[in-house]
């Protein structure tokens, strides 16, 4: 059963604009690594009040969403860090 999360809980986890830019660059790098050499990346993100992580391929990155394995997406604003 999937847990429902209120949209009020989905605020930007990184308030600094410069750090947001660095996070986006890491996501772009993770996408390139998957598309070229099939290397997975570790994404650390907030889901509700919990901090979670997942080792996954990054298929696509947009300004708002990251598409990972099996068509699942993560909001970019919920991502704390990307380890590539």
PDB file of N, CA and C in Angstrom:
ATOM      1  N   UNK A   1       0.831  -1.177   0.000  1.00  0.00           N
ATOM      2  CA  UNK A   1       0.000   0.000   0.000  1.00  0.00           C
ATOM      3  C   UNK A   1       0.877   1.243   0.000  1.00  0.00           C
ATOM      4  N   UNK A   2       0.570   2.181  -0.867  1.00  0.00           N
ATOM      5  CA  UNK A   2       1.375   3.385  -1.005  1.00  0.00           C
ATOM      6  C   UNK A   2       0.928   4.449  -0.015  1.00  0.00           C
ATOM      7  N   UNK A   3       1.898   5.095   0.629  1.00  0.00           N
ATOM      8  CA  UNK A   3       1.602   6.131   1.607  1.00  0.00           C
ATOM      9  C   UNK A   3       1.350   7.453   0.886  1.00  0.00           C
ATOM     10  N   UNK A   4       0.276   8.140   1.244  1.00  0.00           N
ATOM     11  CA  UNK A   4      -0.070   9.435   0.660  1.00  0.00           C
ATOM     12  C   UNK A   4       0.716  10.527   1.374  1.00  0.00           C
ATOM     13  N   UNK A   5       1.275  11.465   0.608  1.00  0.00           N
ATOM     14  CA  UNK A   5       2.039  12.574   1.174  1.00  0.00           C
ATOM     15  C   UNK A   5       1.345  13.870   0.785  1.00  0.00           C
ATOM     16  N   UNK A   6       1.172  14.776   1.752  1.00  0.00           N
ATOM     17  CA  UNK A   6       0.574  16.079   1.469  1.00  0.00           C
ATOM     18  C   UNK A   6       1.553  16.945   0.704  1.00  0.00           C
ATOM     19  N   UNK A   7       1.040  17.775  -0.211  1.00  0.00           N
ATOM     20  CA  UNK A   7       1.930  18.621  -1.003  1.00  0.00           C
ATOM     21  C   UNK A   7       2.672  19.628  -0.135  1.00  0.00           C
ATOM     22  N   UNK A   8       2.151  19.972   1.041  1.00  0.00           N
ATOM     23  CA  UNK A   8       2.836  20.887   1.944  1.00  0.00           C
ATOM     24  C   UNK A   8       4.146  20.300   2.443  1.00  0.00           C
ATOM     25  N   UNK A   9       4.261  18.978   2.428  1.00  0.00           N
ATOM     26  CA  UNK A   9       5.481  18.307   2.870  1.00  0.00           C
ATOM     27  C   UNK A   9       6.556  18.303   1.779  1.00  0.00           C
ATOM     28  N   UNK A  10       6.202  18.703   0.560  1.00  0.00           N
ATOM     29  CA  UNK A  10       7.119  18.630  -0.571  1.00  0.00           C
ATOM     30  C   UNK A  10       7.744  19.988  -0.866  1.00  0.00           C
ATOM     31  N   UNK A  11       8.426  20.546   0.104  1.00  0.00           N
ATOM     32  CA  UNK A  11       9.096  21.819  -0.095  1.00  0.00           C
ATOM     33  C   UNK A  11      10.538  21.567  -0.536  1.00  0.00           C
ATOM     34  N   UNK A  12      11.166  22.581  -1.073  1.00  0.00           N
ATOM     35  CA  UNK A  12      12.551  22.485  -1.534  1.00  0.00           C
ATOM     36  C   UNK A  12      13.458  22.159  -0.350  1.00  0.00           C
ATOM     37  N   UNK A  13      14.239  21.097  -0.471  1.00  0.00           N
ATOM     38  CA  UNK A  13      15.113  20.664   0.625  1.00  0.00           C
ATOM     39  C   UNK A  13      16.447  21.406   0.629  1.00  0.00           C
ATOM     40  N   UNK A  14      16.783  22.061  -0.473  1.00  0.00           N
ATOM     41  CA  UNK A  14      18.026  22.840  -0.564  1.00  0.00           C
ATOM     42  C   UNK A  14      17.642  24.287  -0.899  1.00  0.00           C
ATOM     43  N   UNK A  15      17.614  25.179   0.098  1.00  0.00           N
ATOM     44  CA  UNK A  15      17.171  26.552  -0.156  1.00  0.00           C
ATOM     45  C   UNK A  15      18.174  27.408  -0.940  1.00  0.00           C
ATOM     46  N   UNK A  16      19.458  27.074  -0.907  1.00  0.00           N
ATOM     47  CA  UNK A  16      20.497  27.862  -1.579  1.00  0.00           C
ATOM     48  C   UNK A  16      20.484  27.611  -3.090  1.00  0.00           C
ATOM     49  N   UNK A  17      20.349  28.670  -3.878  1.00  0.00           N
ATOM     50  CA  UNK A  17      20.260  28.548  -5.347  1.00  0.00           C
ATOM     51  C   UNK A  17      21.532  27.952  -5.955  1.00  0.00           C
ATOM     52  N   UNK A  18      22.683  28.298  -5.429  1.00  0.00           N
ATOM     53  CA  UNK A  18      23.942  27.767  -5.953  1.00  0.00           C
ATOM     54  C   UNK A  18      24.031  26.254  -5.730  1.00  0.00           C
ATOM     55  N   UNK A  19      23.606  25.793  -4.562  1.00  0.00           N
ATOM     56  CA  UNK A  19      23.609  24.358  -4.274  1.00  0.00           C
ATOM     57  C   UNK A  19      22.559  23.628  -5.114  1.00  0.00           C
ATOM     58  N   UNK A  20      21.448  24.293  -5.415  1.00  0.00           N
ATOM     59  CA  UNK A  20      20.445  23.703  -6.302  1.00  0.00           C
ATOM     60  C   UNK A  20      21.026  23.493  -7.698  1.00  0.00           C
ATOM     61  N   UNK A  21      21.810  24.464  -8.166  1.00  0.00           N
ATOM     62  CA  UNK A  21      22.453  24.348  -9.469  1.00  0.00           C
ATOM     63  C   UNK A  21      23.441  23.191  -9.475  1.00  0.00           C
ATOM     64  N   UNK A  22      24.215  23.047  -8.415  1.00  0.00           N
ATOM     65  CA  UNK A  22      25.172  21.937  -8.318  1.00  0.00           C
ATOM     66  C   UNK A  22      24.442  20.593  -8.302  1.00  0.00           C
ATOM     67  N   UNK A  23      23.310  20.528  -7.587  1.00  0.00           N
ATOM     68  CA  UNK A  23      22.519  19.296  -7.560  1.00  0.00           C
ATOM     69  C   UNK A  23      22.042  18.951  -8.968  1.00  0.00           C
ATOM     70  N   UNK A  24      21.563  19.939  -9.708  1.00  0.00           N
ATOM     71  CA  UNK A  24      21.079  19.700 -11.064  1.00  0.00           C
ATOM     72  C   UNK A  24      22.222  19.217 -11.964  1.00  0.00           C
ATOM     73  N   UNK A  25      23.411  19.781 -11.805  1.00  0.00           N
ATOM     74  CA  UNK A  25      24.566  19.339 -12.579  1.00  0.00           C
ATOM     75  C   UNK A  25      24.927  17.890 -12.250  1.00  0.00           C
ATOM     76  N   UNK A  26      24.843  17.510 -10.979  1.00  0.00           N
ATOM     77  CA  UNK A  26      25.099  16.121 -10.587  1.00  0.00           C
ATOM     78  C   UNK A  26      24.073  15.180 -11.209  1.00  0.00           C
ATOM     79  N   UNK A  27      22.816  15.615 -11.263  1.00  0.00           N
ATOM     80  CA  UNK A  27      21.773  14.801 -11.887  1.00  0.00           C
ATOM     81  C   UNK A  27      22.036  14.626 -13.374  1.00  0.00           C
ATOM     82  N   UNK A  28      22.469  15.697 -14.031  1.00  0.00           N
ATOM     83  CA  UNK A  28      22.807  15.615 -15.455  1.00  0.00           C
ATOM     84  C   UNK A  28      23.968  14.638 -15.661  1.00  0.00           C
ATOM     85  N   UNK A  29      24.957  14.704 -14.795  1.00  0.00           N
ATOM     86  CA  UNK A  29      26.111  13.796 -14.876  1.00  0.00           C
ATOM     87  C   UNK A  29      25.672  12.351 -14.661  1.00  0.00           C
ATOM     88  N   UNK A  30      24.787  12.129 -13.689  1.00  0.00           N
ATOM     89  CA  UNK A  30      24.279  10.781 -13.421  1.00  0.00           C
ATOM     90  C   UNK A  30      23.540  10.234 -14.646  1.00  0.00           C
ATOM     91  N   UNK A  31      22.771  11.088 -15.317  1.00  0.00           N
ATOM     92  CA  UNK A  31      22.056  10.668 -16.522  1.00  0.00           C
ATOM     93  C   UNK A  31      23.051  10.300 -17.631  1.00  0.00           C
ATOM     94  N   UNK A  32      24.077  11.105 -17.804  1.00  0.00           N
ATOM     95  CA  UNK A  32      25.089  10.812 -18.820  1.00  0.00           C
ATOM     96  C   UNK A  32      25.807   9.496 -18.521  1.00  0.00           C
ATOM     97  N   UNK A  33      26.145   9.275 -17.259  1.00  0.00           N
ATOM     98  CA  UNK A  33      26.841   8.037 -16.901  1.00  0.00           C
ATOM     99  C   UNK A  33      25.982   6.816 -17.192  1.00  0.00           C
ATOM    100  N   UNK A  34      24.687   6.918 -16.952  1.00  0.00           N
ATOM    101  CA  UNK A  34      23.829   5.771 -17.251  1.00  0.00           C
ATOM    102  C   UNK A  34      23.709   5.564 -18.755  1.00  0.00           C
ATOM    103  N   UNK A  35      23.503   6.633 -19.497  1.00  0.00           N
ATOM    104  CA  UNK A  35      23.296   6.511 -20.939  1.00  0.00           C
ATOM    105  C   UNK A  35      24.548   6.069 -21.687  1.00  0.00           C
ATOM    106  N   UNK A  36      25.726   6.367 -21.163  1.00  0.00           N
ATOM    107  CA  UNK A  36      26.975   6.029 -21.852  1.00  0.00           C
ATOM    108  C   UNK A  36      27.565   4.712 -21.355  1.00  0.00           C
ATOM    109  N   UNK A  37      27.733   4.574 -20.049  1.00  0.00           N
ATOM    110  CA  UNK A  37      28.424   3.391 -19.514  1.00  0.00           C
ATOM    111  C   UNK A  37      27.566   2.547 -18.571  1.00  0.00           C
ATOM    112  N   UNK A  38      26.292   2.854 -18.474  1.00  0.00           N
ATOM    113  CA  UNK A  38      25.344   2.101 -17.634  1.00  0.00           C
ATOM    114  C   UNK A  38      25.780   2.009 -16.175  1.00  0.00           C
ATOM    115  N   UNK A  39      26.227   3.147 -15.650  1.00  0.00           N
ATOM    116  CA  UNK A  39      26.621   3.228 -14.247  1.00  0.00           C
ATOM    117  C   UNK A  39      25.459   3.799 -13.435  1.00  0.00           C
ATOM    118  N   UNK A  40      25.079   3.097 -12.385  1.00  0.00           N
ATOM    119  CA  UNK A  40      24.019   3.578 -11.504  1.00  0.00           C
ATOM    120  C   UNK A  40      24.554   4.665 -10.582  1.00  0.00           C
ATOM    121  N   UNK A  41      23.648   5.470 -10.054  1.00  0.00           N
ATOM    122  CA  UNK A  41      23.985   6.525  -9.106  1.00  0.00           C
ATOM    123  C   UNK A  41      23.150   6.354  -7.848  1.00  0.00           C
ATOM    124  N   UNK A  42      23.639   6.913  -6.767  1.00  0.00           N
ATOM    125  CA  UNK A  42      22.891   6.879  -5.509  1.00  0.00           C
ATOM    126  C   UNK A  42      22.218   8.239  -5.331  1.00  0.00           C
ATOM    127  N   UNK A  43      20.897   8.221  -5.177  1.00  0.00           N
ATOM    128  CA  UNK A  43      20.132   9.436  -4.958  1.00  0.00           C
ATOM    129  C   UNK A  43      19.636   9.421  -3.514  1.00  0.00           C
ATOM    130  N   UNK A  44      19.942  10.490  -2.787  1.00  0.00           N
ATOM    131  CA  UNK A  44      19.481  10.647  -1.415  1.00  0.00           C
ATOM    132  C   UNK A  44      18.388  11.703  -1.440  1.00  0.00           C
ATOM    133  N   UNK A  45      17.211  11.349  -0.946  1.00  0.00           N
ATOM    134  CA  UNK A  45      16.071  12.263  -1.052  1.00  0.00           C
ATOM    135  C   UNK A  45      15.195  12.194   0.189  1.00  0.00           C
ATOM    136  N   UNK A  46      14.341  13.203   0.321  1.00  0.00           N
ATOM    137  CA  UNK A  46      13.393  13.234   1.425  1.00  0.00           C
ATOM    138  C   UNK A  46      12.029  12.816   0.913  1.00  0.00           C
ATOM    139  N   UNK A  47      11.412  11.903   1.622  1.00  0.00           N
ATOM    140  CA  UNK A  47      10.063  11.446   1.318  1.00  0.00           C
ATOM    141  C   UNK A  47       9.232  11.621   2.580  1.00  0.00           C
ATOM    142  N   UNK A  48       8.381  12.628   2.590  1.00  0.00           N
ATOM    143  CA  UNK A  48       7.655  12.945   3.820  1.00  0.00           C
ATOM    144  C   UNK A  48       8.640  13.437   4.859  1.00  0.00           C
ATOM    145  N   UNK A  49       8.666  12.788   6.002  1.00  0.00           N
ATOM    146  CA  UNK A  49       9.612  13.153   7.060  1.00  0.00           C
ATOM    147  C   UNK A  49      10.820  12.235   7.110  1.00  0.00           C
ATOM    148  N   UNK A  50      10.949  11.339   6.143  1.00  0.00           N
ATOM    149  CA  UNK A  50      12.033  10.367   6.133  1.00  0.00           C
ATOM    150  C   UNK A  50      13.085  10.718   5.084  1.00  0.00           C
ATOM    151  N   UNK A  51      14.336  10.376   5.379  1.00  0.00           N
ATOM    152  CA  UNK A  51      15.426  10.490   4.409  1.00  0.00           C
ATOM    153  C   UNK A  51      15.645   9.087   3.858  1.00  0.00           C
ATOM    154  N   UNK A  52      15.623   8.972   2.542  1.00  0.00           N
ATOM    155  CA  UNK A  52      15.796   7.670   1.886  1.00  0.00           C
ATOM    156  C   UNK A  52      16.889   7.774   0.829  1.00  0.00           C
ATOM    157  N   UNK A  53      17.355   6.617   0.392  1.00  0.00           N
ATOM    158  CA  UNK A  53      18.320   6.585  -0.700  1.00  0.00           C
ATOM    159  C   UNK A  53      18.002   5.408  -1.607  1.00  0.00           C
ATOM    160  N   UNK A  54      18.441   5.543  -2.861  1.00  0.00           N
ATOM    161  CA  UNK A  54      18.218   4.486  -3.834  1.00  0.00           C
ATOM    162  C   UNK A  54      19.398   4.472  -4.808  1.00  0.00           C
ATOM    163  N   UNK A  55      19.897   3.269  -5.105  1.00  0.00           N
ATOM    164  CA  UNK A  55      20.900   3.083  -6.153  1.00  0.00           C
ATOM    165  C   UNK A  55      20.135   2.750  -7.419  1.00  0.00           C
ATOM    166  N   UNK A  56      20.233   3.604  -8.418  1.00  0.00           N
ATOM    167  CA  UNK A  56      19.368   3.471  -9.577  1.00  0.00           C
ATOM    168  C   UNK A  56      19.992   4.106 -10.812  1.00  0.00           C
ATOM    169  N   UNK A  57      19.577   3.650 -11.981  1.00  0.00           N
ATOM    170  CA  UNK A  57      19.948   4.388 -13.188  1.00  0.00           C
ATOM    171  C   UNK A  57      19.123   5.666 -13.260  1.00  0.00           C
ATOM    172  N   UNK A  58      19.710   6.716 -13.782  1.00  0.00           N
ATOM    173  CA  UNK A  58      18.986   7.962 -14.017  1.00  0.00           C
ATOM    174  C   UNK A  58      18.732   8.046 -15.512  1.00  0.00           C
ATOM    175  N   UNK A  59      17.475   7.855 -15.897  1.00  0.00           N
ATOM    176  CA  UNK A  59      17.122   7.805 -17.311  1.00  0.00           C
ATOM    177  C   UNK A  59      16.956   9.190 -17.926  1.00  0.00           C
ATOM    178  N   UNK A  60      16.321  10.086 -17.183  1.00  0.00           N
ATOM    179  CA  UNK A  60      16.031  11.405 -17.733  1.00  0.00           C
ATOM    180  C   UNK A  60      15.920  12.413 -16.601  1.00  0.00           C
ATOM    181  N   UNK A  61      16.363  13.648 -16.867  1.00  0.00           N
ATOM    182  CA  UNK A  61      16.293  14.721 -15.883  1.00  0.00           C
ATOM    183  C   UNK A  61      15.610  15.923 -16.520  1.00  0.00           C
ATOM    184  N   UNK A  62      14.570  16.428 -15.871  1.00  0.00           N
ATOM    185  CA  UNK A  62      13.950  17.687 -16.295  1.00  0.00           C
ATOM    186  C   UNK A  62      14.132  18.689 -15.163  1.00  0.00           C
ATOM    187  N   UNK A  63      13.571  19.870 -15.306  1.00  0.00           N
ATOM    188  CA  UNK A  63      13.712  20.873 -14.251  1.00  0.00           C
ATOM    189  C   UNK A  63      12.999  20.458 -12.969  1.00  0.00           C
ATOM    190  N   UNK A  64      11.934  19.669 -13.085  1.00  0.00           N
ATOM    191  CA  UNK A  64      11.147  19.318 -11.904  1.00  0.00           C
ATOM    192  C   UNK A  64      11.251  17.855 -11.491  1.00  0.00           C
ATOM    193  N   UNK A  65      11.543  16.954 -12.437  1.00  0.00           N
ATOM    194  CA  UNK A  65      11.500  15.525 -12.144  1.00  0.00           C
ATOM    195  C   UNK A  65      12.745  14.795 -12.633  1.00  0.00           C
ATOM    196  N   UNK A  66      13.038  13.674 -11.950  1.00  0.00           N
ATOM    197  CA  UNK A  66      14.087  12.753 -12.373  1.00  0.00           C
ATOM    198  C   UNK A  66      13.395  11.419 -12.626  1.00  0.00           C
ATOM    199  N   UNK A  67      13.570  10.882 -13.813  1.00  0.00           N
ATOM    200  CA  UNK A  67      12.992   9.583 -14.146  1.00  0.00           C
ATOM    201  C   UNK A  67      14.043   8.521 -13.862  1.00  0.00           C
ATOM    202  N   UNK A  68      13.669   7.589 -12.966  1.00  0.00           N
ATOM    203  CA  UNK A  68      14.583   6.512 -12.609  1.00  0.00           C
ATOM    204  C   UNK A  68      14.023   5.198 -13.127  1.00  0.00           C
ATOM    205  N   UNK A  69      14.524   4.108 -12.639  1.00  0.00           N
ATOM    206  CA  UNK A  69      14.159   2.774 -13.115  1.00  0.00           C
ATOM    207  C   UNK A  69      12.657   2.506 -13.037  1.00  0.00           C
ATOM    208  N   UNK A  70      12.155   1.729 -13.981  1.00  0.00           N
ATOM    209  CA  UNK A  70      10.756   1.279 -14.028  1.00  0.00           C
ATOM    210  C   UNK A  70       9.767   2.430 -14.167  1.00  0.00           C
ATOM    211  N   UNK A  71      10.177   3.532 -14.764  1.00  0.00           N
ATOM    212  CA  UNK A  71       9.273   4.645 -15.007  1.00  0.00           C
ATOM    213  C   UNK A  71       8.914   5.458 -13.780  1.00  0.00           C
ATOM    214  N   UNK A  72       9.571   5.224 -12.673  1.00  0.00           N
ATOM    215  CA  UNK A  72       9.301   5.990 -11.454  1.00  0.00           C
ATOM    216  C   UNK A  72       9.981   7.348 -11.545  1.00  0.00           C
ATOM    217  N   UNK A  73       9.411   8.338 -10.857  1.00  0.00           N
ATOM    218  CA  UNK A  73      10.002   9.669 -10.843  1.00  0.00           C
ATOM    219  C   UNK A  73      10.196  10.154  -9.411  1.00  0.00           C
ATOM    220  N   UNK A  74      11.160  11.060  -9.263  1.00  0.00           N
ATOM    221  CA  UNK A  74      11.417  11.725  -7.990  1.00  0.00           C
ATOM    222  C   UNK A  74      11.423  13.222  -8.282  1.00  0.00           C
ATOM    223  N   UNK A  75      10.784  14.000  -7.437  1.00  0.00           N
ATOM    224  CA  UNK A  75      10.836  15.444  -7.572  1.00  0.00           C
ATOM    225  C   UNK A  75      12.262  15.932  -7.306  1.00  0.00           C
ATOM    226  N   UNK A  76      12.780  16.768  -8.182  1.00  0.00           N
ATOM    227  CA  UNK A  76      14.122  17.311  -7.989  1.00  0.00           C
ATOM    228  C   UNK A  76      14.195  18.072  -6.674  1.00  0.00           C
ATOM    229  N   UNK A  77      13.144  18.778  -6.323  1.00  0.00           N
ATOM    230  CA  UNK A  77      13.141  19.583  -5.093  1.00  0.00           C
ATOM    231  C   UNK A  77      13.238  18.741  -3.826  1.00  0.00           C
ATOM    232  N   UNK A  78      13.025  17.431  -3.910  1.00  0.00           N
ATOM    233  CA  UNK A  78      13.129  16.536  -2.746  1.00  0.00           C
ATOM    234  C   UNK A  78      14.498  15.881  -2.634  1.00  0.00           C
ATOM    235  N   UNK A  79      15.350  16.065  -3.634  1.00  0.00           N
ATOM    236  CA  UNK A  79      16.655  15.393  -3.656  1.00  0.00           C
ATOM    237  C   UNK A  79      17.686  16.197  -2.852  1.00  0.00           C
ATOM    238  N   UNK A  80      18.307  15.523  -1.900  1.00  0.00           N
ATOM    239  CA  UNK A  80      19.335  16.147  -1.073  1.00  0.00           C
ATOM    240  C   UNK A  80      20.714  16.066  -1.710  1.00  0.00           C
ATOM    241  N   UNK A  81      21.038  14.908  -2.314  1.00  0.00           N
ATOM    242  CA  UNK A  81      22.354  14.727  -2.920  1.00  0.00           C
ATOM    243  C   UNK A  81      22.314  13.610  -3.939  1.00  0.00           C
ATOM    244  N   UNK A  82      23.291  13.645  -4.839  1.00  0.00           N
ATOM    245  CA  UNK A  82      23.454  12.619  -5.862  1.00  0.00           C
ATOM    246  C   UNK A  82      24.912  12.196  -5.832  1.00  0.00           C
ATOM    247  N   UNK A  83      25.149  10.903  -5.639  1.00  0.00           N
ATOM    248  CA  UNK A  83      26.498  10.367  -5.619  1.00  0.00           C
ATOM    249  C   UNK A  83      26.729   9.599  -6.907  1.00  0.00           C
ATOM    250  N   UNK A  84      27.648  10.089  -7.716  1.00  0.00           N
ATOM    251  CA  UNK A  84      27.938   9.437  -9.003  1.00  0.00           C
ATOM    252  C   UNK A  84      29.336   8.854  -9.000  1.00  0.00           C
TER     253      UNK A  84
END
